[in-house]
Amino acid sequence: MSDSESGPEWVLSKFRFNDPTLERKITELNSAAKRLWPHVRSHALKEQSRKSSDEAIAIAAEVWESVLRSVAKTIVRSNARTSRVRDLDAYLFGIFHHRFNRALRKERTRNAVMQQVALGTDLEKLRQVSDSNSAQDIERSVQIREAVEGMDEWSRKVWAARQYGYSWKEIAIFMGLTEAQAKLRFRYALARLREKFGL
């Protein structure tokens, strides 16, 4: 938006009345808006230093216009009977500041959601990789189950003991063998199993 488009004049131009009191109030509002516009712009630029000046001013102009429109509508609704605001500039800037902060919070929330959506596509890729890994894990567990079922009873007991964390020394003592004999016998059992499956 250019300065002429984002200035207050066009927002308040539709508020024209035959009533001199209402006309005077809108004229005062218009004058205060013209005075404050440079302060509004500089505040927006300071608060949004990471954005381009056009982006920062565009958001500020949108909020500023909504403030002016809202205050003008309030003046019209009350038929100019409301008590006079002591410092119109401070009042207008205070409303702007509040609404501007709210707009920035909404924008940050929206950006965070967009990042989450972007991360969601990455999660989908990760899920696909995980699915392929889980398929490999399932295939491996099926192969292991088939291998264990193909073992003789002694080999199956040793396999189970190793899975439960028993050491070769403990297994050998339980089986009445030396540690080297237990390992060798189990290796021979695995070699027979490999031959059986053609590996």
C-alpha atoms as a PDB file:
ATOM      1  CA  MET A   1       0.000   0.000   0.000  1.00  0.00           C
ATOM      2  CA  SER A   2       1.188   3.473  -0.725  1.00  0.00           C
ATOM      3  CA  ASP A   3       1.011   6.226   1.841  1.00  0.00           C
ATOM      4  CA  SER A   4      -2.011   7.805   0.179  1.00  0.00           C
ATOM      5  CA  GLU A   5      -3.925   4.499   0.217  1.00  0.00           C
ATOM      6  CA  SER A   6      -3.071   3.667   3.828  1.00  0.00           C
ATOM      7  CA  GLY A   7      -3.732   7.137   5.266  1.00  0.00           C
ATOM      8  CA  PRO A   8      -6.827   7.761   7.366  1.00  0.00           C
ATOM      9  CA  GLU A   9      -8.673  10.084   4.986  1.00  0.00           C
ATOM     10  CA  TRP A  10     -10.315   7.473   2.811  1.00  0.00           C
ATOM     11  CA  VAL A  11     -11.433   5.336   5.783  1.00  0.00           C
ATOM     12  CA  LEU A  12     -13.263   8.250   7.369  1.00  0.00           C
ATOM     13  CA  SER A  13     -14.522   9.773   4.109  1.00  0.00           C
ATOM     14  CA  LYS A  14     -17.760   7.763   4.182  1.00  0.00           C
ATOM     15  CA  PHE A  15     -18.674   9.318   7.544  1.00  0.00           C
ATOM     16  CA  ARG A  16     -20.356  12.544   6.366  1.00  0.00           C
ATOM     17  CA  PHE A  17     -23.290  14.072   8.247  1.00  0.00           C
ATOM     18  CA  ASN A  18     -25.665  16.988   8.215  1.00  0.00           C
ATOM     19  CA  ASP A  19     -25.372  17.109  11.997  1.00  0.00           C
ATOM     20  CA  PRO A  20     -22.614  19.640  12.816  1.00  0.00           C
ATOM     21  CA  THR A  21     -21.708  17.932  16.116  1.00  0.00           C
ATOM     22  CA  LEU A  22     -21.116  14.551  14.461  1.00  0.00           C
ATOM     23  CA  GLU A  23     -19.277  16.231  11.595  1.00  0.00           C
ATOM     24  CA  ARG A  24     -17.005  18.046  14.070  1.00  0.00           C
ATOM     25  CA  LYS A  25     -16.229  14.809  15.973  1.00  0.00           C
ATOM     26  CA  ILE A  26     -15.319  12.971  12.754  1.00  0.00           C
ATOM     27  CA  THR A  27     -13.170  15.934  11.664  1.00  0.00           C
ATOM     28  CA  GLU A  28     -11.327  15.816  15.012  1.00  0.00           C
ATOM     29  CA  LEU A  29     -10.840  12.072  14.581  1.00  0.00           C
ATOM     30  CA  ASN A  30      -9.516  12.635  11.054  1.00  0.00           C
ATOM     31  CA  SER A  31      -7.039  15.284  12.264  1.00  0.00           C
ATOM     32  CA  ALA A  32      -5.803  13.048  15.087  1.00  0.00           C
ATOM     33  CA  ALA A  33      -5.447  10.144  12.635  1.00  0.00           C
ATOM     34  CA  LYS A  34      -3.319  12.275  10.267  1.00  0.00           C
ATOM     35  CA  ARG A  35      -1.102  13.357  13.151  1.00  0.00           C
ATOM     36  CA  LEU A  36      -0.646   9.826  14.458  1.00  0.00           C
ATOM     37  CA  TRP A  37      -0.082   8.008  11.154  1.00  0.00           C
ATOM     38  CA  PRO A  38       3.722   8.654  11.097  1.00  0.00           C
ATOM     39  CA  HIS A  39       3.994   7.345  14.696  1.00  0.00           C
ATOM     40  CA  VAL A  40       1.944   4.284  13.778  1.00  0.00           C
ATOM     41  CA  ARG A  41       4.218   3.606  10.803  1.00  0.00           C
ATOM     42  CA  SER A  42       7.438   3.956  12.803  1.00  0.00           C
ATOM     43  CA  HIS A  43       6.067   1.730  15.576  1.00  0.00           C
ATOM     44  CA  ALA A  44       5.144  -0.942  13.009  1.00  0.00           C
ATOM     45  CA  LEU A  45       8.593  -0.797  11.416  1.00  0.00           C
ATOM     46  CA  LYS A  46      10.289  -1.077  14.805  1.00  0.00           C
ATOM     47  CA  GLU A  47       8.147  -4.024  15.928  1.00  0.00           C
ATOM     48  CA  GLN A  48       8.553  -5.905  12.637  1.00  0.00           C
ATOM     49  CA  SER A  49      12.210  -5.286  11.881  1.00  0.00           C
ATOM     50  CA  ARG A  50      12.608  -8.677  10.164  1.00  0.00           C
ATOM     51  CA  LYS A  51       9.977  -7.873   7.549  1.00  0.00           C
ATOM     52  CA  SER A  52      10.260  -5.586   4.579  1.00  0.00           C
ATOM     53  CA  SER A  53       8.973  -2.083   5.245  1.00  0.00           C
ATOM     54  CA  ASP A  54       6.067  -2.607   2.804  1.00  0.00           C
ATOM     55  CA  GLU A  55       4.904  -5.726   4.660  1.00  0.00           C
ATOM     56  CA  ALA A  56       5.241  -4.068   8.063  1.00  0.00           C
ATOM     57  CA  ILE A  57       3.336  -0.956   6.973  1.00  0.00           C
ATOM     58  CA  ALA A  58       0.625  -3.025   5.257  1.00  0.00           C
ATOM     59  CA  ILE A  59      -0.234  -4.831   8.502  1.00  0.00           C
ATOM     60  CA  ALA A  60      -0.111  -1.576  10.461  1.00  0.00           C
ATOM     61  CA  ALA A  61      -2.347   0.173   7.899  1.00  0.00           C
ATOM     62  CA  GLU A  62      -4.913  -2.604   8.065  1.00  0.00           C
ATOM     63  CA  VAL A  63      -5.042  -2.432  11.868  1.00  0.00           C
ATOM     64  CA  TRP A  64      -5.036   1.388  11.853  1.00  0.00           C
ATOM     65  CA  GLU A  65      -7.937   1.525   9.422  1.00  0.00           C
ATOM     66  CA  SER A  66      -9.958  -0.891  11.545  1.00  0.00           C
ATOM     67  CA  VAL A  67      -9.277   1.275  14.629  1.00  0.00           C
ATOM     68  CA  LEU A  68     -10.463   4.440  12.864  1.00  0.00           C
ATOM     69  CA  ARG A  69     -13.515   2.735  11.418  1.00  0.00           C
ATOM     70  CA  SER A  70     -14.429   1.316  14.837  1.00  0.00           C
ATOM     71  CA  VAL A  71     -14.032   4.637  16.656  1.00  0.00           C
ATOM     72  CA  ALA A  72     -16.016   6.476  13.953  1.00  0.00           C
ATOM     73  CA  LYS A  73     -18.835   3.943  14.190  1.00  0.00           C
ATOM     74  CA  THR A  74     -18.894   4.369  17.961  1.00  0.00           C
ATOM     75  CA  ILE A  75     -19.196   8.154  17.537  1.00  0.00           C
ATOM     76  CA  VAL A  76     -22.089   7.688  15.100  1.00  0.00           C
ATOM     77  CA  ARG A  77     -23.847   5.108  17.268  1.00  0.00           C
ATOM     78  CA  SER A  78     -23.678   7.313  20.320  1.00  0.00           C
ATOM     79  CA  ASN A  79     -24.861  10.336  18.324  1.00  0.00           C
ATOM     80  CA  ALA A  80     -21.845  12.245  19.686  1.00  0.00           C
ATOM     81  CA  ARG A  81     -23.295  12.120  23.215  1.00  0.00           C
ATOM     82  CA  THR A  82     -20.338  10.317  24.728  1.00  0.00           C
ATOM     83  CA  SER A  83     -18.101  12.111  27.128  1.00  0.00           C
ATOM     84  CA  ARG A  84     -15.142  13.743  25.468  1.00  0.00           C
ATOM     85  CA  VAL A  85     -11.880  11.785  25.461  1.00  0.00           C
ATOM     86  CA  ARG A  86      -9.216  13.886  27.178  1.00  0.00           C
ATOM     87  CA  ASP A  87      -6.320  12.829  24.945  1.00  0.00           C
ATOM     88  CA  LEU A  88      -7.629  11.536  21.614  1.00  0.00           C
ATOM     89  CA  ASP A  89      -4.122  10.814  20.278  1.00  0.00           C
ATOM     90  CA  ALA A  90      -3.226   8.622  23.269  1.00  0.00           C
ATOM     91  CA  TYR A  91      -6.614   6.924  23.106  1.00  0.00           C
ATOM     92  CA  LEU A  92      -6.278   6.093  19.407  1.00  0.00           C
ATOM     93  CA  PHE A  93      -2.670   4.941  19.707  1.00  0.00           C
ATOM     94  CA  GLY A  94      -3.565   2.775  22.713  1.00  0.00           C
ATOM     95  CA  ILE A  95      -6.306   1.026  20.720  1.00  0.00           C
ATOM     96  CA  PHE A  96      -3.944   0.635  17.768  1.00  0.00           C
ATOM     97  CA  HIS A  97      -1.191  -0.786  19.976  1.00  0.00           C
ATOM     98  CA  HIS A  98      -3.542  -3.368  21.485  1.00  0.00           C
ATOM     99  CA  ARG A  99      -4.988  -4.487  18.138  1.00  0.00           C
ATOM    100  CA  PHE A 100      -1.607  -4.446  16.438  1.00  0.00           C
ATOM    101  CA  ASN A 101      -0.131  -6.767  19.087  1.00  0.00           C
ATOM    102  CA  ARG A 102      -3.119  -9.075  18.667  1.00  0.00           C
ATOM    103  CA  ALA A 103      -2.601  -9.126  14.878  1.00  0.00           C
ATOM    104  CA  LEU A 104       1.085  -9.975  15.326  1.00  0.00           C
ATOM    105  CA  ARG A 105       0.208 -12.812  17.740  1.00  0.00           C
ATOM    106  CA  LYS A 106      -2.279 -14.212  15.230  1.00  0.00           C
ATOM    107  CA  GLU A 107       0.337 -14.030  12.510  1.00  0.00           C
ATOM    108  CA  ARG A 108       2.917 -15.837  14.682  1.00  0.00           C
ATOM    109  CA  THR A 109       0.369 -18.544  15.486  1.00  0.00           C
ATOM    110  CA  ARG A 110      -0.507 -18.922  11.818  1.00  0.00           C
ATOM    111  CA  ASN A 111       3.198 -19.192  10.903  1.00  0.00           C
ATOM    112  CA  ALA A 112       3.734 -21.798  13.614  1.00  0.00           C
ATOM    113  CA  VAL A 113       0.823 -23.826  12.245  1.00  0.00           C
ATOM    114  CA  MET A 114       2.245 -23.565   8.742  1.00  0.00           C
ATOM    115  CA  GLN A 115       5.594 -24.828  10.010  1.00  0.00           C
ATOM    116  CA  GLN A 116       3.837 -27.731  11.679  1.00  0.00           C
ATOM    117  CA  VAL A 117       2.076 -28.523   8.397  1.00  0.00           C
ATOM    118  CA  ALA A 118       5.441 -28.421   6.630  1.00  0.00           C
ATOM    119  CA  LEU A 119       6.870 -30.691   9.323  1.00  0.00           C
ATOM    120  CA  GLY A 120       3.844 -32.941   8.843  1.00  0.00           C
ATOM    121  CA  THR A 121       4.927 -33.691   5.282  1.00  0.00           C
ATOM    122  CA  ASP A 122       8.380 -34.551   6.627  1.00  0.00           C
ATOM    123  CA  LEU A 123       6.711 -36.774   9.218  1.00  0.00           C
ATOM    124  CA  GLU A 124       4.838 -38.539   6.423  1.00  0.00           C
ATOM    125  CA  LYS A 125       8.166 -39.292   4.710  1.00  0.00           C
ATOM    126  CA  LEU A 126       9.549 -40.492   8.035  1.00  0.00           C
ATOM    127  CA  ARG A 127       6.460 -42.646   8.548  1.00  0.00           C
ATOM    128  CA  GLN A 128       6.963 -44.221   5.119  1.00  0.00           C
ATOM    129  CA  VAL A 129      10.590 -45.024   5.973  1.00  0.00           C
ATOM    130  CA  SER A 130       9.462 -46.347   9.335  1.00  0.00           C
ATOM    131  CA  ASP A 131       6.820 -48.496   7.620  1.00  0.00           C
ATOM    132  CA  SER A 132       9.454 -50.000   5.325  1.00  0.00           C
ATOM    133  CA  ASN A 133      11.711 -50.585   8.357  1.00  0.00           C
ATOM    134  CA  SER A 134       8.866 -52.191  10.265  1.00  0.00           C
ATOM    135  CA  ALA A 135       8.154 -54.421   7.274  1.00  0.00           C
ATOM    136  CA  GLN A 136      11.794 -55.502   7.310  1.00  0.00           C
ATOM    137  CA  ASP A 137      11.577 -56.073  11.076  1.00  0.00           C
ATOM    138  CA  ILE A 138       8.474 -58.230  10.639  1.00  0.00           C
ATOM    139  CA  GLU A 139      10.144 -60.227   7.882  1.00  0.00           C
ATOM    140  CA  ARG A 140      13.233 -60.710  10.048  1.00  0.00           C
ATOM    141  CA  SER A 141      11.159 -61.842  13.046  1.00  0.00           C
ATOM    142  CA  VAL A 142       9.318 -64.362  10.835  1.00  0.00           C
ATOM    143  CA  GLN A 143      12.645 -65.707   9.608  1.00  0.00           C
ATOM    144  CA  ILE A 144      13.953 -65.949  13.170  1.00  0.00           C
ATOM    145  CA  ARG A 145      10.794 -67.750  14.295  1.00  0.00           C
ATOM    146  CA  GLU A 146      11.174 -70.241  11.424  1.00  0.00           C
ATOM    147  CA  ALA A 147      14.844 -70.723  12.305  1.00  0.00           C
ATOM    148  CA  VAL A 148      14.063 -71.312  15.982  1.00  0.00           C
ATOM    149  CA  GLU A 149      11.317 -73.794  15.075  1.00  0.00           C
ATOM    150  CA  GLY A 150      13.859 -75.635  12.862  1.00  0.00           C
ATOM    151  CA  MET A 151      16.313 -76.024  15.766  1.00  0.00           C
ATOM    152  CA  ASP A 152      16.617 -79.131  17.872  1.00  0.00           C
ATOM    153  CA  GLU A 153      15.482 -78.892  21.497  1.00  0.00           C
ATOM    154  CA  TRP A 154      18.966 -78.284  22.938  1.00  0.00           C
ATOM    155  CA  SER A 155      19.711 -75.429  20.472  1.00  0.00           C
ATOM    156  CA  ARG A 156      16.304 -73.891  21.181  1.00  0.00           C
ATOM    157  CA  LYS A 157      17.032 -73.847  24.939  1.00  0.00           C
ATOM    158  CA  VAL A 158      20.430 -72.232  24.380  1.00  0.00           C
ATOM    159  CA  TRP A 159      18.863 -69.681  21.985  1.00  0.00           C
ATOM    160  CA  ALA A 160      16.193 -68.801  24.567  1.00  0.00           C
ATOM    161  CA  ALA A 161      18.783 -68.499  27.337  1.00  0.00           C
ATOM    162  CA  ARG A 162      20.877 -66.107  25.210  1.00  0.00           C
ATOM    163  CA  GLN A 163      17.760 -64.049  24.441  1.00  0.00           C
ATOM    164  CA  TYR A 164      17.080 -63.709  28.171  1.00  0.00           C
ATOM    165  CA  GLY A 165      20.625 -62.455  28.744  1.00  0.00           C
ATOM    166  CA  TYR A 166      22.356 -65.516  30.184  1.00  0.00           C
ATOM    167  CA  SER A 167      26.113 -65.649  29.571  1.00  0.00           C
ATOM    168  CA  TRP A 168      27.800 -68.530  27.778  1.00  0.00           C
ATOM    169  CA  LYS A 169      29.423 -69.483  31.057  1.00  0.00           C
ATOM    170  CA  GLU A 170      26.027 -69.749  32.828  1.00  0.00           C
ATOM    171  CA  ILE A 171      24.549 -71.736  29.937  1.00  0.00           C
ATOM    172  CA  ALA A 172      27.537 -74.109  29.886  1.00  0.00           C
ATOM    173  CA  ILE A 173      27.249 -74.748  33.671  1.00  0.00           C
ATOM    174  CA  PHE A 174      23.507 -75.413  33.312  1.00  0.00           C
ATOM    175  CA  MET A 175      24.090 -77.828  30.379  1.00  0.00           C
ATOM    176  CA  GLY A 176      27.016 -79.576  32.104  1.00  0.00           C
ATOM    177  CA  LEU A 177      29.543 -78.489  29.463  1.00  0.00           C
ATOM    178  CA  THR A 178      32.537 -76.204  29.294  1.00  0.00           C
ATOM    179  CA  GLU A 179      31.949 -72.768  27.840  1.00  0.00           C
ATOM    180  CA  ALA A 180      33.911 -73.622  24.664  1.00  0.00           C
ATOM    181  CA  GLN A 181      31.931 -76.865  24.197  1.00  0.00           C
ATOM    182  CA  ALA A 182      28.584 -75.019  24.532  1.00  0.00           C
ATOM    183  CA  LYS A 183      29.589 -72.375  21.993  1.00  0.00           C
ATOM    184  CA  LEU A 184      30.940 -74.945  19.553  1.00  0.00           C
ATOM    185  CA  ARG A 185      27.850 -77.164  19.798  1.00  0.00           C
ATOM    186  CA  PHE A 186      25.577 -74.154  19.220  1.00  0.00           C
ATOM    187  CA  ARG A 187      27.643 -73.041  16.197  1.00  0.00           C
ATOM    188  CA  TYR A 188      27.348 -76.515  14.679  1.00  0.00           C
ATOM    189  CA  ALA A 189      23.575 -76.383  15.238  1.00  0.00           C
ATOM    190  CA  LEU A 190      23.417 -73.037  13.443  1.00  0.00           C
ATOM    191  CA  ALA A 191      25.539 -74.373  10.561  1.00  0.00           C
ATOM    192  CA  ARG A 192      23.099 -77.313  10.118  1.00  0.00           C
ATOM    193  CA  LEU A 193      20.242 -74.788  10.169  1.00  0.00           C
ATOM    194  CA  ARG A 194      21.896 -72.680   7.436  1.00  0.00           C
ATOM    195  CA  GLU A 195      22.278 -75.765   5.283  1.00  0.00           C
ATOM    196  CA  LYS A 196      18.626 -76.613   5.856  1.00  0.00           C
ATOM    197  CA  PHE A 197      17.487 -73.139   4.698  1.00  0.00           C
ATOM    198  CA  GLY A 198      20.076 -73.024   1.907  1.00  0.00           C
ATOM    199  CA  LEU A 199      21.848 -69.913   3.209  1.00  0.00           C
END
